[in-house]
């Protein structure tokens, strides 16, 4: 039996939308009938773990049915043990998940940790959300303060670069890396053009693909307390009033899954339902 595909959602800057991307990717995969294990390594925030806990509670309270990820042996208790013990528990949980699931999705913390670096080295696909600003771009690349020309790659790009190099040497396998332009907002055209040019220049330099993320929509936030996403909405599951925003959000999720190369997921009956 083949091993699971490993998706790592990472960016060492907080507030980039990692958990939002993680939960939407996971639920789209689940609706595509994939077996998914989710490992939340952000032991301080635990946003992804809380989302799926909310999901189980809401579905049970409303006698509703929606797909759930497979259980994981990893818990937030790893925050209370030594770094070596936490690493051992992660490796054990990952090994079990990879043998049993179709996909292992790992949500990493917004900081540089040993476990986060280890997770990046295990990835088949690294997904990096980036907000539409030079503040977020700074974690990927350094620009000249006078000319705004790209000077070099930055801290997080170095982490991914090292992970990809080590994987290529050890297994002769290339880790795919996709940077998502997340939470796009209407901005001054000149600044958007400048940022676009620097992202594209860096992508050629360090070898990532650029894809569309998710806009900053109310629907993504208002469904979170229920543990639901737009992939779950149907005549039987409708905790909020429907609007045209939901249709646009479904289209965004479809585009996101396509950009990640996860064809066949994100086009299911639930997402396509009006």
C-alpha atoms as a PDB file:
ATOM      1  CA  UNK A   1       0.000   0.000   0.000  1.00  0.00           C
ATOM      2  CA  UNK A   2       1.403   3.382  -0.971  1.00  0.00           C
ATOM      3  CA  UNK A   3       2.146   5.951   1.703  1.00  0.00           C
ATOM      4  CA  UNK A   4       0.071   9.074   2.203  1.00  0.00           C
ATOM      5  CA  UNK A   5       0.845  12.366   0.502  1.00  0.00           C
ATOM      6  CA  UNK A   6       2.120  14.903   3.027  1.00  0.00           C
ATOM      7  CA  UNK A   7       0.940  18.512   2.871  1.00  0.00           C
ATOM      8  CA  UNK A   8       2.659  21.022   5.153  1.00  0.00           C
ATOM      9  CA  UNK A   9       1.108  24.455   5.627  1.00  0.00           C
ATOM     10  CA  UNK A  10       3.867  26.760   6.787  1.00  0.00           C
ATOM     11  CA  UNK A  11       5.046  30.319   7.201  1.00  0.00           C
ATOM     12  CA  UNK A  12       7.115  31.591  10.116  1.00  0.00           C
ATOM     13  CA  UNK A  13       5.039  34.775  10.309  1.00  0.00           C
ATOM     14  CA  UNK A  14       1.853  34.667  12.338  1.00  0.00           C
ATOM     15  CA  UNK A  15      -1.420  35.929  10.938  1.00  0.00           C
ATOM     16  CA  UNK A  16      -0.759  34.809   7.372  1.00  0.00           C
ATOM     17  CA  UNK A  17      -3.836  32.552   7.282  1.00  0.00           C
ATOM     18  CA  UNK A  18      -2.167  29.148   7.693  1.00  0.00           C
ATOM     19  CA  UNK A  19      -4.981  27.616   9.726  1.00  0.00           C
ATOM     20  CA  UNK A  20      -7.641  28.975   7.360  1.00  0.00           C
ATOM     21  CA  UNK A  21      -5.868  27.351   4.414  1.00  0.00           C
ATOM     22  CA  UNK A  22      -5.308  24.137   6.389  1.00  0.00           C
ATOM     23  CA  UNK A  23      -8.943  23.619   7.412  1.00  0.00           C
ATOM     24  CA  UNK A  24     -10.305  24.449   3.956  1.00  0.00           C
ATOM     25  CA  UNK A  25      -7.824  22.144   2.238  1.00  0.00           C
ATOM     26  CA  UNK A  26      -8.598  19.353   4.688  1.00  0.00           C
ATOM     27  CA  UNK A  27     -12.384  19.638   4.340  1.00  0.00           C
ATOM     28  CA  UNK A  28     -12.168  19.761   0.530  1.00  0.00           C
ATOM     29  CA  UNK A  29     -10.085  16.568   0.602  1.00  0.00           C
ATOM     30  CA  UNK A  30     -12.567  14.948   2.982  1.00  0.00           C
ATOM     31  CA  UNK A  31     -15.467  15.763   0.665  1.00  0.00           C
ATOM     32  CA  UNK A  32     -13.456  14.132  -2.102  1.00  0.00           C
ATOM     33  CA  UNK A  33     -13.671  10.951   0.005  1.00  0.00           C
ATOM     34  CA  UNK A  34      -9.990  11.004   0.925  1.00  0.00           C
ATOM     35  CA  UNK A  35      -8.801   9.630   4.248  1.00  0.00           C
ATOM     36  CA  UNK A  36      -7.115  12.571   5.976  1.00  0.00           C
ATOM     37  CA  UNK A  37      -5.126  12.898   9.202  1.00  0.00           C
ATOM     38  CA  UNK A  38      -4.551  16.432  10.481  1.00  0.00           C
ATOM     39  CA  UNK A  39      -1.566  17.154  12.744  1.00  0.00           C
ATOM     40  CA  UNK A  40      -1.709  20.576  14.411  1.00  0.00           C
ATOM     41  CA  UNK A  41       1.824  21.500  15.510  1.00  0.00           C
ATOM     42  CA  UNK A  42       0.846  25.018  16.571  1.00  0.00           C
ATOM     43  CA  UNK A  43       0.472  23.846  20.153  1.00  0.00           C
ATOM     44  CA  UNK A  44      -0.044  27.377  21.475  1.00  0.00           C
ATOM     45  CA  UNK A  45      -2.922  28.417  19.206  1.00  0.00           C
ATOM     46  CA  UNK A  46      -4.339  24.996  18.215  1.00  0.00           C
ATOM     47  CA  UNK A  47      -6.740  26.735  15.792  1.00  0.00           C
ATOM     48  CA  UNK A  48      -6.952  23.753  13.453  1.00  0.00           C
ATOM     49  CA  UNK A  49      -7.468  21.282  16.292  1.00  0.00           C
ATOM     50  CA  UNK A  50     -10.161  23.536  17.791  1.00  0.00           C
ATOM     51  CA  UNK A  51     -11.894  23.747  14.407  1.00  0.00           C
ATOM     52  CA  UNK A  52     -12.303  19.982  14.122  1.00  0.00           C
ATOM     53  CA  UNK A  53     -13.335  19.717  17.784  1.00  0.00           C
ATOM     54  CA  UNK A  54     -16.032  22.329  17.093  1.00  0.00           C
ATOM     55  CA  UNK A  55     -17.036  20.368  13.996  1.00  0.00           C
ATOM     56  CA  UNK A  56     -17.628  17.145  15.896  1.00  0.00           C
ATOM     57  CA  UNK A  57     -19.650  18.955  18.575  1.00  0.00           C
ATOM     58  CA  UNK A  58     -21.827  20.894  16.096  1.00  0.00           C
ATOM     59  CA  UNK A  59     -22.574  17.863  13.943  1.00  0.00           C
ATOM     60  CA  UNK A  60     -23.555  15.806  16.991  1.00  0.00           C
ATOM     61  CA  UNK A  61     -25.762  18.574  18.418  1.00  0.00           C
ATOM     62  CA  UNK A  62     -27.559  19.064  15.098  1.00  0.00           C
ATOM     63  CA  UNK A  63     -27.842  15.405  14.062  1.00  0.00           C
ATOM     64  CA  UNK A  64     -25.930  16.317  10.905  1.00  0.00           C
ATOM     65  CA  UNK A  65     -23.425  14.304   8.918  1.00  0.00           C
ATOM     66  CA  UNK A  66     -20.194  15.580   7.368  1.00  0.00           C
ATOM     67  CA  UNK A  67     -16.834  13.865   6.860  1.00  0.00           C
ATOM     68  CA  UNK A  68     -14.288  13.997   9.669  1.00  0.00           C
ATOM     69  CA  UNK A  69     -10.532  13.431   9.595  1.00  0.00           C
ATOM     70  CA  UNK A  70      -9.125  10.227  10.971  1.00  0.00           C
ATOM     71  CA  UNK A  71      -8.058  10.380  14.634  1.00  0.00           C
ATOM     72  CA  UNK A  72      -4.458  11.236  15.461  1.00  0.00           C
ATOM     73  CA  UNK A  73      -2.340  10.144  18.400  1.00  0.00           C
ATOM     74  CA  UNK A  74      -0.761  13.620  18.623  1.00  0.00           C
ATOM     75  CA  UNK A  75      -2.156  15.946  21.293  1.00  0.00           C
ATOM     76  CA  UNK A  76      -1.450  19.437  22.591  1.00  0.00           C
ATOM     77  CA  UNK A  77       0.320  17.808  25.562  1.00  0.00           C
ATOM     78  CA  UNK A  78       3.529  17.925  23.541  1.00  0.00           C
ATOM     79  CA  UNK A  79       3.774  21.569  24.657  1.00  0.00           C
ATOM     80  CA  UNK A  80       4.417  20.338  28.205  1.00  0.00           C
ATOM     81  CA  UNK A  81       7.212  17.863  27.501  1.00  0.00           C
ATOM     82  CA  UNK A  82      10.845  18.227  26.502  1.00  0.00           C
ATOM     83  CA  UNK A  83      11.776  19.021  22.916  1.00  0.00           C
ATOM     84  CA  UNK A  84      13.152  15.515  22.409  1.00  0.00           C
ATOM     85  CA  UNK A  85       9.988  13.896  23.775  1.00  0.00           C
ATOM     86  CA  UNK A  86       7.796  16.185  21.658  1.00  0.00           C
ATOM     87  CA  UNK A  87       9.778  15.242  18.560  1.00  0.00           C
ATOM     88  CA  UNK A  88       9.462  11.532  19.350  1.00  0.00           C
ATOM     89  CA  UNK A  89       5.688  11.846  19.780  1.00  0.00           C
ATOM     90  CA  UNK A  90       5.375  13.759  16.516  1.00  0.00           C
ATOM     91  CA  UNK A  91       7.418  11.178  14.618  1.00  0.00           C
ATOM     92  CA  UNK A  92       5.316   8.337  16.072  1.00  0.00           C
ATOM     93  CA  UNK A  93       2.027  10.064  15.201  1.00  0.00           C
ATOM     94  CA  UNK A  94       3.278  10.937  11.715  1.00  0.00           C
ATOM     95  CA  UNK A  95       4.428   7.394  10.968  1.00  0.00           C
ATOM     96  CA  UNK A  96       1.051   5.958  11.986  1.00  0.00           C
ATOM     97  CA  UNK A  97      -0.837   8.585   9.978  1.00  0.00           C
ATOM     98  CA  UNK A  98       1.251   8.090   6.863  1.00  0.00           C
ATOM     99  CA  UNK A  99       0.582   4.355   6.877  1.00  0.00           C
ATOM    100  CA  UNK A 100      -3.192   4.699   7.313  1.00  0.00           C
ATOM    101  CA  UNK A 101      -4.302   7.843   5.466  1.00  0.00           C
ATOM    102  CA  UNK A 102      -4.367   9.147   1.900  1.00  0.00           C
ATOM    103  CA  UNK A 103      -3.201  12.582   3.040  1.00  0.00           C
ATOM    104  CA  UNK A 104      -1.408  13.835   6.134  1.00  0.00           C
ATOM    105  CA  UNK A 105      -1.950  17.573   6.539  1.00  0.00           C
ATOM    106  CA  UNK A 106       0.376  19.343   8.979  1.00  0.00           C
ATOM    107  CA  UNK A 107      -0.360  22.865  10.252  1.00  0.00           C
ATOM    108  CA  UNK A 108       2.874  24.389  11.562  1.00  0.00           C
ATOM    109  CA  UNK A 109       3.405  27.250  14.062  1.00  0.00           C
ATOM    110  CA  UNK A 110       4.266  30.799  13.047  1.00  0.00           C
ATOM    111  CA  UNK A 111       7.798  30.437  14.381  1.00  0.00           C
ATOM    112  CA  UNK A 112      10.977  28.479  13.778  1.00  0.00           C
ATOM    113  CA  UNK A 113      10.908  25.257  15.821  1.00  0.00           C
ATOM    114  CA  UNK A 114      12.675  21.915  15.538  1.00  0.00           C
ATOM    115  CA  UNK A 115       9.372  20.089  14.937  1.00  0.00           C
ATOM    116  CA  UNK A 116       8.343  22.576  12.257  1.00  0.00           C
ATOM    117  CA  UNK A 117      11.642  22.092  10.424  1.00  0.00           C
ATOM    118  CA  UNK A 118      11.244  18.318  10.693  1.00  0.00           C
ATOM    119  CA  UNK A 119       7.709  18.547   9.269  1.00  0.00           C
ATOM    120  CA  UNK A 120       8.926  20.589   6.302  1.00  0.00           C
ATOM    121  CA  UNK A 121      11.504  17.912   5.549  1.00  0.00           C
ATOM    122  CA  UNK A 122       8.755  15.266   5.380  1.00  0.00           C
ATOM    123  CA  UNK A 123       6.524  17.211   2.977  1.00  0.00           C
ATOM    124  CA  UNK A 124       5.539  16.296  -0.538  1.00  0.00           C
ATOM    125  CA  UNK A 125       3.849  19.688  -0.856  1.00  0.00           C
ATOM    126  CA  UNK A 126       4.591  22.851   1.130  1.00  0.00           C
ATOM    127  CA  UNK A 127       1.859  25.484   1.092  1.00  0.00           C
ATOM    128  CA  UNK A 128       2.831  28.991   2.207  1.00  0.00           C
ATOM    129  CA  UNK A 129       0.058  31.579   2.556  1.00  0.00           C
ATOM    130  CA  UNK A 130       1.238  35.169   2.208  1.00  0.00           C
ATOM    131  CA  UNK A 131      -0.843  38.254   2.890  1.00  0.00           C
ATOM    132  CA  UNK A 132      -0.846  40.897   0.199  1.00  0.00           C
ATOM    133  CA  UNK A 133       1.858  43.175   1.636  1.00  0.00           C
ATOM    134  CA  UNK A 134       5.592  43.736   1.801  1.00  0.00           C
ATOM    135  CA  UNK A 135       5.336  42.980   5.542  1.00  0.00           C
ATOM    136  CA  UNK A 136       4.559  39.330   4.759  1.00  0.00           C
ATOM    137  CA  UNK A 137       6.921  39.212   1.797  1.00  0.00           C
ATOM    138  CA  UNK A 138       9.777  40.056   4.184  1.00  0.00           C
ATOM    139  CA  UNK A 139       9.671  36.473   5.510  1.00  0.00           C
ATOM    140  CA  UNK A 140      10.341  35.212   1.985  1.00  0.00           C
ATOM    141  CA  UNK A 141      12.635  37.803   0.445  1.00  0.00           C
ATOM    142  CA  UNK A 142      14.623  40.921   1.300  1.00  0.00           C
ATOM    143  CA  UNK A 143      14.203  44.024  -0.849  1.00  0.00           C
ATOM    144  CA  UNK A 144      16.439  47.078  -1.147  1.00  0.00           C
ATOM    145  CA  UNK A 145      14.908  49.871   0.999  1.00  0.00           C
ATOM    146  CA  UNK A 146      15.680  52.482  -1.657  1.00  0.00           C
ATOM    147  CA  UNK A 147      14.923  50.769  -4.956  1.00  0.00           C
ATOM    148  CA  UNK A 148      12.669  47.941  -3.673  1.00  0.00           C
ATOM    149  CA  UNK A 149      14.633  45.574  -5.889  1.00  0.00           C
ATOM    150  CA  UNK A 150      14.902  41.991  -4.681  1.00  0.00           C
ATOM    151  CA  UNK A 151      18.252  41.428  -2.944  1.00  0.00           C
ATOM    152  CA  UNK A 152      18.071  37.856  -1.623  1.00  0.00           C
ATOM    153  CA  UNK A 153      15.798  35.232  -0.115  1.00  0.00           C
ATOM    154  CA  UNK A 154      14.963  35.477   3.576  1.00  0.00           C
ATOM    155  CA  UNK A 155      14.588  33.310   6.687  1.00  0.00           C
ATOM    156  CA  UNK A 156      11.641  31.112   5.853  1.00  0.00           C
ATOM    157  CA  UNK A 157      12.786  30.629   2.262  1.00  0.00           C
ATOM    158  CA  UNK A 158      16.077  29.358   3.699  1.00  0.00           C
ATOM    159  CA  UNK A 159      14.203  26.802   5.808  1.00  0.00           C
ATOM    160  CA  UNK A 160      12.295  25.487   2.802  1.00  0.00           C
ATOM    161  CA  UNK A 161      15.420  25.564   0.622  1.00  0.00           C
ATOM    162  CA  UNK A 162      17.310  23.406   3.134  1.00  0.00           C
ATOM    163  CA  UNK A 163      14.387  20.976   3.450  1.00  0.00           C
ATOM    164  CA  UNK A 164      14.136  20.567  -0.314  1.00  0.00           C
ATOM    165  CA  UNK A 165      17.899  20.097  -0.691  1.00  0.00           C
ATOM    166  CA  UNK A 166      18.071  17.458   2.060  1.00  0.00           C
ATOM    167  CA  UNK A 167      15.090  15.583   0.597  1.00  0.00           C
ATOM    168  CA  UNK A 168      16.586  15.626  -2.888  1.00  0.00           C
ATOM    169  CA  UNK A 169      19.874  14.213  -1.603  1.00  0.00           C
ATOM    170  CA  UNK A 170      18.281  11.562   0.617  1.00  0.00           C
ATOM    171  CA  UNK A 171      15.442  10.383  -1.637  1.00  0.00           C
ATOM    172  CA  UNK A 172      16.050  12.038  -5.011  1.00  0.00           C
ATOM    173  CA  UNK A 173      12.602  13.559  -4.621  1.00  0.00           C
ATOM    174  CA  UNK A 174      11.589  17.176  -5.174  1.00  0.00           C
ATOM    175  CA  UNK A 175       9.299  18.886  -2.653  1.00  0.00           C
ATOM    176  CA  UNK A 176       6.686  20.980  -4.433  1.00  0.00           C
ATOM    177  CA  UNK A 177       6.318  24.483  -2.959  1.00  0.00           C
ATOM    178  CA  UNK A 178       3.332  26.756  -3.572  1.00  0.00           C
ATOM    179  CA  UNK A 179       3.087  30.325  -2.267  1.00  0.00           C
ATOM    180  CA  UNK A 180      -0.531  31.483  -2.047  1.00  0.00           C
ATOM    181  CA  UNK A 181      -1.434  35.132  -2.422  1.00  0.00           C
ATOM    182  CA  UNK A 182      -3.816  35.032   0.518  1.00  0.00           C
ATOM    183  CA  UNK A 183      -6.362  37.577   1.755  1.00  0.00           C
ATOM    184  CA  UNK A 184      -6.036  39.740  -1.339  1.00  0.00           C
ATOM    185  CA  UNK A 185      -7.565  43.171  -0.786  1.00  0.00           C
ATOM    186  CA  UNK A 186      -8.111  46.203  -3.006  1.00  0.00           C
ATOM    187  CA  UNK A 187      -4.836  48.112  -2.843  1.00  0.00           C
ATOM    188  CA  UNK A 188      -3.185  50.901  -4.722  1.00  0.00           C
ATOM    189  CA  UNK A 189      -2.316  49.544  -8.171  1.00  0.00           C
ATOM    190  CA  UNK A 190       1.321  50.652  -8.119  1.00  0.00           C
ATOM    191  CA  UNK A 191       2.046  48.900  -4.811  1.00  0.00           C
ATOM    192  CA  UNK A 192       0.307  45.711  -6.007  1.00  0.00           C
ATOM    193  CA  UNK A 193       2.399  45.737  -9.189  1.00  0.00           C
ATOM    194  CA  UNK A 194       5.612  46.204  -7.193  1.00  0.00           C
ATOM    195  CA  UNK A 195       4.769  43.302  -4.901  1.00  0.00           C
ATOM    196  CA  UNK A 196       3.725  41.074  -7.812  1.00  0.00           C
ATOM    197  CA  UNK A 197       7.050  41.676  -9.543  1.00  0.00           C
ATOM    198  CA  UNK A 198       9.084  40.828  -6.417  1.00  0.00           C
ATOM    199  CA  UNK A 199       7.098  37.659  -5.702  1.00  0.00           C
ATOM    200  CA  UNK A 200       7.569  36.497  -9.295  1.00  0.00           C
ATOM    201  CA  UNK A 201      11.302  37.311  -9.199  1.00  0.00           C
ATOM    202  CA  UNK A 202      11.744  35.351  -5.968  1.00  0.00           C
ATOM    203  CA  UNK A 203       9.748  32.420  -7.341  1.00  0.00           C
ATOM    204  CA  UNK A 204      12.246  32.110 -10.186  1.00  0.00           C
ATOM    205  CA  UNK A 205      15.159  32.383  -7.768  1.00  0.00           C
ATOM    206  CA  UNK A 206      14.124  29.812  -5.158  1.00  0.00           C
ATOM    207  CA  UNK A 207      11.686  27.706  -7.174  1.00  0.00           C
ATOM    208  CA  UNK A 208       8.176  28.032  -5.825  1.00  0.00           C
ATOM    209  CA  UNK A 209       4.885  28.206  -7.711  1.00  0.00           C
ATOM    210  CA  UNK A 210       2.415  31.048  -7.148  1.00  0.00           C
ATOM    211  CA  UNK A 211      -1.257  30.315  -6.590  1.00  0.00           C
ATOM    212  CA  UNK A 212      -4.451  32.067  -5.489  1.00  0.00           C
ATOM    213  CA  UNK A 213      -5.370  31.917  -1.825  1.00  0.00           C
ATOM    214  CA  UNK A 214      -8.590  32.903  -0.071  1.00  0.00           C
ATOM    215  CA  UNK A 215      -9.841  36.458   0.221  1.00  0.00           C
ATOM    216  CA  UNK A 216     -10.703  38.004   3.567  1.00  0.00           C
ATOM    217  CA  UNK A 217     -14.398  37.066   3.512  1.00  0.00           C
ATOM    218  CA  UNK A 218     -16.826  37.127   6.423  1.00  0.00           C
ATOM    219  CA  UNK A 219     -18.090  33.654   5.518  1.00  0.00           C
ATOM    220  CA  UNK A 220     -14.736  32.048   6.346  1.00  0.00           C
ATOM    221  CA  UNK A 221     -14.768  33.576   9.822  1.00  0.00           C
ATOM    222  CA  UNK A 222     -18.442  33.049  10.663  1.00  0.00           C
ATOM    223  CA  UNK A 223     -18.363  29.323   9.867  1.00  0.00           C
ATOM    224  CA  UNK A 224     -15.271  28.646  12.018  1.00  0.00           C
ATOM    225  CA  UNK A 225     -17.117  28.400  15.411  1.00  0.00           C
ATOM    226  CA  UNK A 226     -19.266  25.610  13.947  1.00  0.00           C
ATOM    227  CA  UNK A 227     -16.260  23.725  12.579  1.00  0.00           C
ATOM    228  CA  UNK A 228     -17.611  24.139   9.063  1.00  0.00           C
ATOM    229  CA  UNK A 229     -16.405  25.517   5.743  1.00  0.00           C
ATOM    230  CA  UNK A 230     -18.104  26.397   2.467  1.00  0.00           C
ATOM    231  CA  UNK A 231     -17.338  22.824   1.372  1.00  0.00           C
ATOM    232  CA  UNK A 232     -19.855  21.592   3.967  1.00  0.00           C
ATOM    233  CA  UNK A 233     -22.797  23.852   3.110  1.00  0.00           C
ATOM    234  CA  UNK A 234     -25.818  22.004   1.773  1.00  0.00           C
ATOM    235  CA  UNK A 235     -29.599  21.972   2.284  1.00  0.00           C
ATOM    236  CA  UNK A 236     -28.993  19.873   5.408  1.00  0.00           C
ATOM    237  CA  UNK A 237     -26.081  21.945   6.745  1.00  0.00           C
ATOM    238  CA  UNK A 238     -26.766  25.668   6.660  1.00  0.00           C
ATOM    239  CA  UNK A 239     -25.960  27.375   9.983  1.00  0.00           C
ATOM    240  CA  UNK A 240     -25.903  30.860   8.408  1.00  0.00           C
ATOM    241  CA  UNK A 241     -28.006  32.583   5.763  1.00  0.00           C
ATOM    242  CA  UNK A 242     -26.842  31.894   2.204  1.00  0.00           C
ATOM    243  CA  UNK A 243     -25.701  34.704  -0.085  1.00  0.00           C
ATOM    244  CA  UNK A 244     -23.764  35.340  -3.278  1.00  0.00           C
ATOM    245  CA  UNK A 245     -20.632  35.510  -1.115  1.00  0.00           C
ATOM    246  CA  UNK A 246     -20.927  31.770  -0.536  1.00  0.00           C
ATOM    247  CA  UNK A 247     -20.909  31.081  -4.269  1.00  0.00           C
ATOM    248  CA  UNK A 248     -17.775  33.206  -4.702  1.00  0.00           C
ATOM    249  CA  UNK A 249     -16.136  31.467  -1.745  1.00  0.00           C
ATOM    250  CA  UNK A 250     -16.796  28.050  -3.311  1.00  0.00           C
ATOM    251  CA  UNK A 251     -15.160  29.223  -6.529  1.00  0.00           C
ATOM    252  CA  UNK A 252     -12.126  30.383  -4.532  1.00  0.00           C
ATOM    253  CA  UNK A 253     -11.840  27.018  -2.822  1.00  0.00           C
ATOM    254  CA  UNK A 254     -12.018  25.268  -6.190  1.00  0.00           C
ATOM    255  CA  UNK A 255      -9.253  27.523  -7.533  1.00  0.00           C
ATOM    256  CA  UNK A 256      -7.146  26.907  -4.426  1.00  0.00           C
ATOM    257  CA  UNK A 257      -7.341  23.128  -4.776  1.00  0.00           C
ATOM    258  CA  UNK A 258      -6.490  23.388  -8.459  1.00  0.00           C
ATOM    259  CA  UNK A 259      -3.441  25.532  -7.698  1.00  0.00           C
ATOM    260  CA  UNK A 260      -2.233  22.923  -5.193  1.00  0.00           C
ATOM    261  CA  UNK A 261      -2.499  20.225  -7.845  1.00  0.00           C
ATOM    262  CA  UNK A 262      -5.165  18.378  -5.877  1.00  0.00           C
ATOM    263  CA  UNK A 263      -7.329  17.637  -8.889  1.00  0.00           C
ATOM    264  CA  UNK A 264     -10.473  15.695  -8.192  1.00  0.00           C
ATOM    265  CA  UNK A 265     -10.877  17.399  -4.819  1.00  0.00           C
ATOM    266  CA  UNK A 266     -12.825  20.593  -4.276  1.00  0.00           C
ATOM    267  CA  UNK A 267     -15.233  19.812  -7.140  1.00  0.00           C
ATOM    268  CA  UNK A 268     -17.546  17.516  -5.225  1.00  0.00           C
ATOM    269  CA  UNK A 269     -21.312  17.646  -4.915  1.00  0.00           C
ATOM    270  CA  UNK A 270     -21.237  19.615  -1.658  1.00  0.00           C
ATOM    271  CA  UNK A 271     -19.043  22.406  -3.014  1.00  0.00           C
ATOM    272  CA  UNK A 272     -20.856  22.564  -6.323  1.00  0.00           C
ATOM    273  CA  UNK A 273     -24.286  22.781  -4.685  1.00  0.00           C
ATOM    274  CA  UNK A 274     -25.998  26.145  -4.986  1.00  0.00           C
END
